[in-house]
Protein backbone atom coordinates (compact mmCIF):
# COMPACT_ATOMS: atom_id res chain seq x y z
CA UNK A 1 -32.15 -3.23 13.76
CA UNK A 2 -31.85 -5.72 10.88
CA UNK A 3 -29.05 -8.63 11.31
CA UNK A 4 -26.89 -8.71 8.34
CA UNK A 5 -26.83 -12.26 6.34
CA UNK A 6 -25.33 -11.40 3.52
CA UNK A 7 -22.55 -9.53 2.44
CA UNK A 8 -21.08 -8.11 -1.45
CA UNK A 9 -18.23 -6.54 -1.42
CA UNK A 10 -17.14 -4.97 -4.93
CA UNK A 11 -13.42 -5.25 -5.49
CA UNK A 12 -11.17 -8.23 -4.75
CA UNK A 13 -7.71 -6.35 -4.26
CA UNK A 14 -5.53 -5.74 -1.30
CA UNK A 15 -8.38 -4.46 0.87
CA UNK A 16 -11.10 -6.20 -0.44
CA UNK A 17 -10.03 -9.54 -0.45
CA UNK A 18 -8.28 -9.56 3.11
CA UNK A 19 -10.91 -7.69 5.17
CA UNK A 20 -14.22 -9.77 4.10
CA UNK A 21 -11.57 -13.02 3.90
CA UNK A 22 -11.52 -12.27 7.97
CA UNK A 23 -15.28 -10.79 8.37
CA UNK A 24 -15.94 -14.55 6.54
CA UNK A 25 -13.65 -16.06 9.45
CA UNK A 26 -15.21 -14.22 12.22
CA UNK A 27 -19.01 -14.37 11.17
CA UNK A 28 -19.73 -17.79 9.85
CA UNK A 29 -23.01 -16.80 9.94
CA UNK A 30 -22.76 -14.20 7.03
CA UNK A 31 -22.49 -15.25 3.30
CA UNK A 32 -19.94 -12.83 1.80
CA UNK A 33 -19.21 -12.63 -1.75
CA UNK A 34 -16.61 -10.87 -3.28
CA UNK A 35 -16.83 -10.08 -6.69
CA UNK A 36 -14.79 -8.18 -9.64
CA UNK A 37 -14.48 -8.21 -13.39
CA UNK A 38 -10.73 -9.23 -13.50
CA UNK A 39 -11.73 -12.84 -14.37
CA UNK A 40 -8.13 -14.23 -13.81
CA UNK A 41 -8.01 -12.30 -10.22
CA UNK A 42 -11.20 -14.26 -9.46
CA UNK A 43 -9.82 -17.70 -10.35
CA UNK A 44 -6.48 -16.89 -8.28
CA UNK A 45 -8.41 -16.00 -5.20
CA UNK A 46 -10.32 -19.76 -5.73
CA UNK A 47 -6.82 -21.45 -6.61
CA UNK A 48 -6.73 -25.01 -4.96
CA UNK A 49 -2.98 -23.84 -4.26
CA UNK A 50 -3.41 -21.34 -1.54
CA UNK A 51 0.27 -20.26 -2.84
CA UNK A 52 -0.91 -18.83 -5.24
CA UNK A 53 -3.36 -16.30 -4.00
CA UNK A 54 -2.97 -12.80 -5.69
CA UNK A 55 -1.87 -11.17 -2.50
CA UNK A 56 1.03 -12.46 -0.48
CA UNK A 57 -0.12 -11.49 2.87
CA UNK A 58 1.29 -13.29 6.24
CA UNK A 59 -1.69 -15.40 7.58
CA UNK A 60 -4.41 -14.45 4.47
CA UNK A 61 -3.94 -17.97 2.78
CA UNK A 62 -4.78 -19.56 6.34
CA UNK A 63 -7.76 -17.18 7.27
CA UNK A 64 -9.17 -18.01 3.23
CA UNK A 65 -8.42 -21.88 3.86
CA UNK A 66 -10.74 -22.01 6.99
CA UNK A 67 -13.26 -19.90 5.19
CA UNK A 68 -13.77 -20.08 1.54
CA UNK A 69 -16.52 -22.72 0.37
CA UNK A 70 -18.33 -22.36 3.97
CA UNK A 71 -19.51 -18.54 3.78
CA UNK A 72 -16.52 -16.57 1.69
CA UNK A 73 -17.01 -17.03 -2.06
CA UNK A 74 -15.25 -15.16 -4.65
CA UNK A 75 -17.29 -14.43 -8.33
CA UNK A 76 -17.65 -12.43 -11.17
CA UNK A 77 -21.05 -12.38 -11.08
CA UNK A 78 -21.04 -8.63 -9.68
CA UNK A 79 -24.86 -8.31 -10.49
CA UNK A 80 -26.13 -11.11 -8.75
CA UNK A 81 -24.07 -10.83 -5.61
CA UNK A 82 -25.43 -7.05 -5.62
CA UNK A 83 -29.25 -7.99 -5.98
CA UNK A 84 -28.95 -10.81 -3.30
CA UNK A 85 -26.67 -8.34 -0.43
CA UNK A 86 -28.15 -6.58 2.54
CA UNK A 87 -24.87 -4.95 2.87
CA UNK A 88 -22.32 -3.65 -0.45
CA UNK A 89 -18.43 -2.52 0.32
CA UNK A 90 -16.98 -0.52 -2.57
CA UNK A 91 -13.29 -1.26 -2.42
CA UNK A 92 -12.17 -0.59 -5.64
CA UNK A 93 -9.51 1.40 -7.40
CA UNK A 94 -9.23 5.27 -6.96
CA UNK A 95 -5.83 6.16 -8.36
CA UNK A 96 -4.10 9.74 -8.88
CA UNK A 97 -5.83 11.20 -11.89
CA UNK A 98 -3.77 10.84 -14.91
CA UNK A 99 -5.70 13.36 -17.48
CA UNK A 100 -8.09 16.26 -17.81
CA UNK A 101 -8.89 18.65 -14.61
CA UNK A 102 -6.56 17.58 -11.18
CA UNK A 103 -4.24 15.55 -13.33
CA UNK A 104 -1.51 14.59 -11.38
CA UNK A 105 -3.08 15.01 -7.69
CA UNK A 106 -6.55 14.31 -7.56
CA UNK A 107 -8.48 10.76 -7.09
CA UNK A 108 -10.18 9.06 -9.91
CA UNK A 109 -13.31 8.37 -9.32
CA UNK A 110 -14.76 7.16 -12.31
CA UNK A 111 -14.82 3.12 -10.78
CA UNK A 112 -16.42 4.61 -7.76
CA UNK A 113 -19.37 6.09 -10.09
CA UNK A 114 -19.43 3.02 -12.38
CA UNK A 115 -20.19 1.04 -9.05
CA UNK A 116 -23.22 3.21 -7.96
CA UNK A 117 -24.57 3.06 -10.90
CA UNK A 118 -24.60 -0.46 -11.11
CA UNK A 119 -25.67 -0.84 -7.75
CA UNK A 120 -28.92 1.40 -8.35
CA UNK A 121 -29.56 -0.30 -11.80
CA UNK A 122 -29.53 -3.67 -10.10
CA UNK A 123 -30.98 -3.33 -7.03
CA UNK A 124 -34.52 -4.23 -6.27
CA UNK A 125 -34.54 -4.19 -2.57
CA UNK A 126 -33.04 -1.46 0.58
CA UNK A 127 -29.24 -1.80 0.86
CA UNK A 128 -26.36 -0.34 2.95
CA UNK A 129 -23.45 0.81 0.85
CA UNK A 130 -20.09 0.83 2.40
CA UNK A 131 -17.36 3.08 0.81
CA UNK A 132 -14.16 1.24 1.90
CA UNK A 133 -11.88 2.51 -1.08
CA UNK A 134 -9.75 5.32 0.53
CA UNK A 135 -12.22 8.59 -0.78
CA UNK A 136 -12.18 12.40 -0.80
CA UNK A 137 -14.19 14.20 1.69
CA UNK A 138 -17.51 14.49 0.55
CA UNK A 139 -17.56 11.15 -1.54
CA UNK A 140 -20.98 9.96 -0.34
CA UNK A 141 -22.51 12.89 -1.36
CA UNK A 142 -21.28 11.99 -4.69
CA UNK A 143 -23.17 8.10 -4.19
CA UNK A 144 -26.19 9.69 -2.57
CA UNK A 145 -27.05 11.82 -5.72
CA UNK A 146 -26.59 8.88 -8.00
CA UNK A 147 -28.25 6.09 -5.79
CA UNK A 148 -31.25 8.44 -4.75
CA UNK A 149 -31.82 8.97 -8.59
CA UNK A 150 -32.46 5.12 -9.01
CA UNK A 151 -36.30 5.35 -9.83
CA UNK A 152 -36.83 1.79 -8.42
CA UNK A 153 -37.97 2.96 -5.00
CA UNK A 154 -35.17 1.16 -3.23
CA UNK A 155 -33.35 3.36 -0.35
CA UNK A 156 -30.06 3.35 0.53
CA UNK A 157 -28.13 4.29 3.71
CA UNK A 158 -24.43 5.02 3.12
CA UNK A 159 -21.69 4.65 5.28
CA UNK A 160 -17.65 5.80 5.32
CA UNK A 161 -15.55 2.77 6.53
CA UNK A 162 -11.91 3.46 5.73
CA UNK A 163 -9.51 0.91 5.99
CA UNK A 164 -6.36 1.13 8.02
CA UNK A 165 -3.89 -1.79 7.16
CA UNK A 166 -0.77 -1.67 6.55
CA UNK A 167 0.58 -4.35 3.87
CA UNK A 168 2.74 -7.23 5.38
CA UNK A 169 0.40 -7.09 8.98
CA UNK A 170 -2.78 -6.48 7.33
CA UNK A 171 -4.26 -9.68 8.90
CA UNK A 172 -3.01 -8.84 11.96
CA UNK A 173 -4.32 -5.03 11.55
CA UNK A 174 -7.99 -6.59 11.10
CA UNK A 175 -7.74 -9.26 13.88
CA UNK A 176 -6.27 -6.68 16.28
CA UNK A 177 -7.65 -3.01 14.96
CA UNK A 178 -6.46 -0.22 17.20
CA UNK A 179 -9.68 1.15 15.81
CA UNK A 180 -12.57 0.87 13.32
CA UNK A 181 -14.39 3.79 11.87
CA UNK A 182 -17.54 4.06 10.55
CA UNK A 183 -19.34 7.09 9.49
CA UNK A 184 -23.21 7.72 8.47
CA UNK A 185 -25.90 10.05 8.29
CA UNK A 186 -26.96 11.59 11.66
CA UNK A 187 -30.33 10.20 11.95
CA UNK A 188 -32.58 7.21 12.80
CA UNK A 189 -32.48 5.09 9.79
CA UNK A 190 -28.21 6.29 9.37
CA UNK A 191 -27.91 5.46 13.20
CA UNK A 192 -29.25 1.78 12.68
CA UNK A 193 -26.86 0.83 9.39
CA UNK A 194 -23.88 1.88 11.60
CA UNK A 195 -25.03 -0.21 14.03
CA UNK A 196 -25.62 -2.96 11.61
CA UNK A 197 -21.76 -2.59 10.75
CA UNK A 198 -21.10 -2.15 14.47
CA UNK A 199 -22.36 -5.43 15.25
CA UNK A 200 -20.43 -7.45 12.30
CA UNK A 201 -17.49 -5.73 13.34
CA UNK A 202 -18.42 -6.46 17.12
CA UNK A 203 -18.15 -10.52 16.47
CA UNK A 204 -14.00 -10.10 17.65
CA UNK A 205 -13.18 -6.60 18.44
CA UNK A 206 -14.29 -4.45 21.91
CA UNK A 207 -17.11 -2.14 20.68
CA UNK A 208 -14.80 0.67 22.51
CA UNK A 209 -12.54 0.62 19.40
CA UNK A 210 -15.79 0.74 17.14
CA UNK A 211 -15.79 4.64 16.75
CA UNK A 212 -19.08 6.56 15.34
CA UNK A 213 -18.52 9.19 13.10
CA UNK A 214 -20.54 11.88 11.01
CA UNK A 215 -19.51 10.13 7.18
CA UNK A 216 -17.10 13.55 6.41
CA UNK A 217 -15.27 13.12 9.13
CA UNK A 218 -14.51 9.31 8.50
CA UNK A 219 -14.00 10.16 4.66
CA UNK A 220 -11.12 12.67 5.75
CA UNK A 221 -9.48 11.22 8.75
CA UNK A 222 -8.02 8.03 6.27
CA UNK A 223 -6.28 10.86 4.09
CA UNK A 224 -5.20 12.74 7.26
CA UNK A 225 -3.85 8.91 8.94
CA UNK A 226 -2.20 8.28 5.68
CA UNK A 227 -0.64 12.44 5.81
CA UNK A 228 0.50 11.94 9.02
CA UNK A 229 2.28 8.88 8.57
CA UNK A 230 4.19 9.74 6.20
CA UNK A 231 5.15 13.18 7.37
CA UNK A 232 7.19 11.16 9.86
CA UNK A 233 9.01 8.76 6.91
CA UNK A 234 9.97 12.71 5.41
CA UNK A 235 10.90 14.06 8.35
CA UNK A 236 13.44 11.28 9.59
CA UNK A 237 14.42 11.42 5.79
CA UNK A 238 15.42 15.28 5.89
CA UNK A 239 17.37 14.31 8.87
CA UNK A 240 19.24 11.48 7.51
CA UNK A 241 20.66 14.10 4.97
CA UNK A 242 21.93 16.31 7.47
CA UNK A 243 23.80 13.58 9.89
CA UNK A 244 25.64 12.23 6.52
CA UNK A 245 26.60 16.04 6.00
CA UNK A 246 27.96 16.03 9.75
CA UNK A 247 28.55 12.72 10.92
CA UNK A 248 25.80 12.20 13.27
CA UNK A 249 24.20 8.83 13.64
CA UNK A 250 20.54 8.81 12.25
CA UNK A 251 19.68 5.30 14.15
CA UNK A 252 20.92 7.07 17.29
CA UNK A 253 18.96 10.31 16.34
CA UNK A 254 16.22 8.49 15.35
CA UNK A 255 16.28 6.24 18.76
CA UNK A 256 16.64 9.70 20.98
CA UNK A 257 13.80 11.42 19.19
CA UNK A 258 11.58 8.29 19.66
CA UNK A 259 11.95 7.96 23.21
CA UNK A 260 9.75 10.42 23.63
CA UNK A 261 6.52 9.30 24.59
CA UNK A 262 5.09 12.44 22.76
CA UNK A 263 6.70 11.27 19.61
CA UNK A 264 7.20 7.89 20.16
CA UNK A 265 9.38 5.64 17.90
CA UNK A 266 7.29 4.55 14.84
CA UNK A 267 7.55 5.55 11.22
CA UNK A 268 10.72 6.96 12.71
CA UNK A 269 13.27 4.75 10.83
CA UNK A 270 15.06 6.57 8.09
CA UNK A 271 14.84 4.90 4.33
CA UNK A 272 15.07 5.45 0.78
CA UNK A 273 11.44 6.99 0.90
CA UNK A 274 8.04 5.73 1.53
CA UNK A 275 5.87 3.86 -1.59
CA UNK A 276 2.92 2.00 -1.71
CA UNK A 277 -0.64 2.15 -3.04
CA UNK A 278 -1.72 5.43 -0.17
CA UNK A 279 0.82 7.59 0.94
CA UNK A 280 1.65 9.35 -2.20
CA UNK A 281 -1.46 8.94 -3.83
CA UNK A 282 -3.66 10.26 -0.22
CA UNK A 283 -1.44 12.78 -0.06
CA UNK A 284 -1.82 14.65 -3.40
CA UNK A 285 -5.50 14.14 -3.03
CA UNK A 286 -5.26 16.14 0.24
CA UNK A 287 -3.29 18.72 -1.17
CA UNK A 288 -5.91 18.95 -4.36
CA UNK A 289 -8.36 19.30 -1.89
CA UNK A 290 -6.96 21.81 0.17
CA UNK A 291 -5.82 24.24 -3.10
CA UNK A 292 -9.66 23.84 -4.62
CA UNK A 293 -10.95 24.99 -1.42
CA UNK A 294 -8.26 28.06 -1.31
CA UNK A 295 -6.41 26.66 1.50
CA UNK A 296 -2.80 26.87 -0.36
CA UNK A 297 -0.97 27.28 2.36
CA UNK A 298 -2.26 24.26 4.08
CA UNK A 299 -1.71 22.53 0.57
CA UNK A 300 1.93 23.85 0.37
CA UNK A 301 2.49 22.15 3.83
CA UNK A 302 1.65 18.77 3.04
CA UNK A 303 3.36 19.19 -0.31
CA UNK A 304 6.33 19.14 0.97
CA UNK A 305 6.42 15.69 2.32
CA UNK A 306 5.95 14.67 -1.69
CA UNK A 307 8.97 16.67 -2.18
CA UNK A 308 11.15 15.41 0.52
CA UNK A 309 10.40 11.40 -0.65
CA UNK A 310 10.55 12.60 -4.01
CA UNK A 311 14.41 13.80 -3.02
CA UNK A 312 15.10 11.00 -0.64
CA UNK A 313 14.97 8.64 -3.85
CA UNK A 314 17.01 10.66 -6.20
CA UNK A 315 19.48 10.82 -3.24
CA UNK A 316 19.90 7.53 -2.48
CA UNK A 317 20.39 7.25 -6.62
CA UNK A 318 22.89 9.84 -6.54
CA UNK A 319 24.81 8.47 -3.57
CA UNK A 320 24.94 4.91 -5.77
CA UNK A 321 26.39 6.87 -8.73
CA UNK A 322 29.10 9.52 -6.53
CA UNK A 323 30.63 6.06 -5.01
CA UNK A 324 31.00 4.09 -8.33
CA UNK A 325 33.41 7.29 -9.39
CA UNK A 326 30.42 9.17 -10.56
CA UNK A 327 29.92 6.31 -13.71
CA UNK A 328 27.76 3.56 -13.75
CA UNK A 329 27.60 3.01 -17.56
CA UNK A 330 28.20 -1.00 -17.87
CA UNK A 331 28.27 -1.75 -14.52
CA UNK A 332 26.33 -4.44 -12.26
CA UNK A 333 24.51 -3.11 -9.72
CA UNK A 334 22.52 -5.87 -7.48
CA UNK A 335 19.41 -4.80 -6.22
CA UNK A 336 17.97 -7.26 -3.12
CA UNK A 337 14.14 -6.34 -2.62
CA UNK A 338 11.82 -4.75 -4.84
CA UNK A 339 8.68 -4.86 -3.29
CA UNK A 340 7.67 -1.88 -1.57
CA UNK A 341 8.33 -3.11 2.27
CA UNK A 342 8.45 -6.50 3.02
CA UNK A 343 6.16 -9.33 3.59
CA UNK A 344 4.29 -8.44 0.46
CA UNK A 345 4.37 -8.34 -3.38
CA UNK A 346 3.12 -5.08 -3.79
CA UNK A 347 5.28 -2.82 -5.93
CA UNK A 348 3.20 0.35 -6.63
CA UNK A 349 5.31 3.55 -6.22
CA UNK A 350 8.16 0.88 -4.75
CA UNK A 351 11.32 3.16 -4.20
CA UNK A 352 13.25 0.37 -5.97
CA UNK A 353 11.81 1.17 -9.50
CA UNK A 354 12.42 4.89 -9.27
CA UNK A 355 15.98 4.12 -8.16
CA UNK A 356 16.34 1.71 -10.96
CA UNK A 357 14.94 3.86 -13.51
CA UNK A 358 17.88 6.73 -12.61
CA UNK A 359 20.39 3.89 -12.70
CA UNK A 360 19.31 2.60 -15.86
CA UNK A 361 19.15 6.28 -17.35
CA UNK A 362 22.94 5.92 -16.74
CA UNK A 363 23.28 2.61 -18.33
CA UNK A 364 23.53 0.82 -15.54
CA UNK A 365 22.43 -2.94 -15.25
CA UNK A 366 20.51 -4.00 -13.07
CA UNK A 367 20.30 -7.20 -11.45
CA UNK A 368 16.97 -7.87 -9.01
CA UNK A 369 16.27 -10.42 -6.14
CA UNK A 370 12.82 -10.46 -4.26
CA UNK A 371 11.26 -13.27 -3.03
CA UNK A 372 7.70 -12.58 -3.69
CA UNK A 373 7.53 -10.22 -6.62
CA UNK A 374 7.59 -11.75 -10.21
CA UNK A 375 9.71 -10.46 -12.58
CA UNK A 376 6.86 -9.11 -15.37
CA UNK A 377 6.03 -7.08 -12.80
CA UNK A 378 9.62 -5.83 -12.67
CA UNK A 379 9.27 -4.91 -16.12
CA UNK A 380 5.92 -3.46 -15.91
CA UNK A 381 7.29 -0.89 -13.05
CA UNK A 382 9.88 0.61 -14.92
CA UNK A 383 8.20 0.68 -18.44
CA UNK A 384 6.02 2.84 -16.53
CA UNK A 385 8.07 5.05 -15.92
CA UNK A 386 10.40 5.66 -18.90
CA UNK A 387 10.18 5.90 -22.68
CA UNK A 388 12.24 3.15 -22.92
CA UNK A 389 10.92 -0.14 -24.97
CA UNK A 390 10.78 -3.24 -23.44
CA UNK A 391 13.80 -4.90 -25.28
CA UNK A 392 15.79 -1.56 -24.34
CA UNK A 393 14.43 -2.31 -20.13
CA UNK A 394 15.62 -6.03 -20.61
CA UNK A 395 18.98 -5.57 -21.75
CA UNK A 396 19.11 -3.35 -18.91
CA UNK A 397 17.00 -5.23 -16.05
CA UNK A 398 17.84 -8.62 -15.10
CA UNK A 399 15.66 -10.57 -12.50
CA UNK A 400 17.17 -13.45 -10.87
CA UNK A 401 15.68 -16.14 -8.81
CA UNK A 402 18.75 -16.45 -6.35
CA UNK A 403 20.44 -13.34 -4.23
CA UNK A 404 24.06 -15.09 -4.51
CA UNK A 405 23.98 -15.18 -8.01
CA UNK A 406 22.23 -11.24 -8.07
CA UNK A 407 25.11 -10.16 -6.29
CA UNK A 408 28.20 -12.23 -7.70
CA UNK A 409 30.13 -9.54 -9.41
CA UNK A 410 28.55 -6.74 -8.44
CA UNK A 411 30.10 -3.58 -8.23
CA UNK A 412 27.37 -2.22 -5.47
CA UNK A 413 24.69 -3.71 -3.72
CA UNK A 414 21.25 -1.67 -2.84
CA UNK A 415 19.54 -3.32 -0.14
CA UNK A 416 15.90 -1.78 -1.03
CA UNK A 417 13.25 -4.01 0.90
CA UNK A 418 13.83 -5.04 4.46
CA UNK A 419 13.18 -8.62 3.84
CA UNK A 420 13.63 -10.90 6.98
CA UNK A 421 16.05 -13.07 5.18
CA UNK A 422 18.41 -10.74 4.27
CA UNK A 423 19.91 -10.62 7.30
CA UNK A 424 20.57 -14.21 7.12
CA UNK A 425 22.73 -14.18 3.93
CA UNK A 426 26.74 -14.97 4.43
CA UNK A 427 27.65 -11.69 3.72
CA UNK A 428 31.21 -12.20 3.63
CA UNK A 429 30.45 -14.56 1.00
CA UNK A 430 28.77 -11.96 -0.89
CA UNK A 431 31.19 -9.12 -0.68
CA UNK A 432 34.51 -11.45 -1.41
CA UNK A 433 32.31 -12.31 -4.78
CA UNK A 434 31.66 -8.65 -5.71
CA UNK A 435 33.95 -6.31 -7.89
CA UNK A 436 36.79 -4.46 -6.12
CA UNK A 437 36.53 -2.25 -4.49
CA UNK A 438 32.58 -3.08 -3.98
CA UNK A 439 30.01 -0.95 -2.25
CA UNK A 440 26.92 -1.92 -0.30
CA UNK A 441 24.02 0.13 0.16
CA UNK A 442 21.44 -0.57 2.75
CA UNK A 443 18.40 1.53 1.50
CA UNK A 444 16.39 0.91 4.14
CA UNK A 445 18.46 2.57 6.73
CA UNK A 446 20.65 5.05 4.48
CA UNK A 447 23.73 3.31 4.81
CA UNK A 448 26.81 2.01 2.98
CA UNK A 449 29.63 -0.74 2.95
CA UNK A 450 31.87 1.19 5.86
CA UNK A 451 28.89 0.54 8.53
CA UNK A 452 28.55 -2.96 6.81
CA UNK A 453 32.42 -3.57 7.55
CA UNK A 454 32.50 -2.14 11.06
CA UNK A 455 29.48 -4.73 12.10
CA UNK A 456 31.60 -7.70 10.04
CA UNK A 457 28.32 -7.87 7.75
CA UNK A 458 26.07 -8.88 10.34
CA UNK A 459 22.82 -7.59 8.90
CA UNK A 460 21.34 -8.76 12.40
CA UNK A 461 22.82 -5.49 13.89
CA UNK A 462 20.60 -3.47 11.15
CA UNK A 463 17.18 -2.47 11.41
CA UNK A 464 16.05 -3.96 14.73
């Protein structure tokens, strides 16, 4: 088995950047080059101010600072990096299709195909190509079809190595992974390729955590892992609606359910709905695959997870409107948090933008504070969802850089991201400076102002 000394990763996003940074940190003898066509993103990765990295992730800047310039490099010279590398990771976006067959459900693989064709054109020596993006099962077959018809006489081995990172804890997830999954061809060459990647991860992880499978099982494992996690979120959210009708306590219910060792407590926190780049996209992809294979009942089962998630976001917005006497027109509603979860600046599919859009459609004035999300991203998110012009959105959405300013004179506050700093605020002061009657909705626990008054506005008592 040949030792890998040079790695290239195509894609400098939320997966490629942190993953390659940790590999470079833990494998100082391996040159790791992360490439991307987005020159601004690469410039941000190369910034001398580590607080300006394109991704906010606890612990990331320290890892990048340790490895960058030693054996970690960020570049726009894609073909040069491909040519020099022995192992190439593909970590590009695979969004849900917005056109043609499979629109709104299937994964759009055009960027994957473009990567494969570029590798095929440039490669002059044998390569191991690693699928890092989340892909539909049997995508490796497509890659092989392209790569094996290059005419350059180059031999390729294709591996599936899905990521199981949670934004906000990605660096810890990489350093202390529950498992690393490597899928490959069941042949001598395939086994050698899997062992080469195994040896890289074995620099810091016990080998018993590095699982080898066939490539199809590996590809499907990522989709199903996200589907199972999202299913738990939708399940507990469905019960939060029942609790509100029956005066049961969703936190007590969640604790009781999670105490069962067969179930466990994780992903059983009621919220305004899951967001992020993976859950919805991957479940829709799973639904589409099942439909394509004639498994309609299976598709219907998983689609219900998405239906419940959409319902929860609408229900939360409706709760705000109903509490404010069935009209929010002209009323100021403060949003604390815009990112889809704490400790990240990622807003993809964030519940906040859907709730904001519903309220803005009713002419509410939304003041938003988030410690990591930039105002231009907030405007881009709401523009993506609706047909209002940028000028119209700017008359209804007001990003603020001070939470107390955002909340002053608000008729209601919606806490939409569980940032730890929110628990340290002077909530009595905030409440006193609101319009009366004032309402506070904790979207991460589906609570209202009554609960907050009961606990003396001490958010530390919430979301433990």
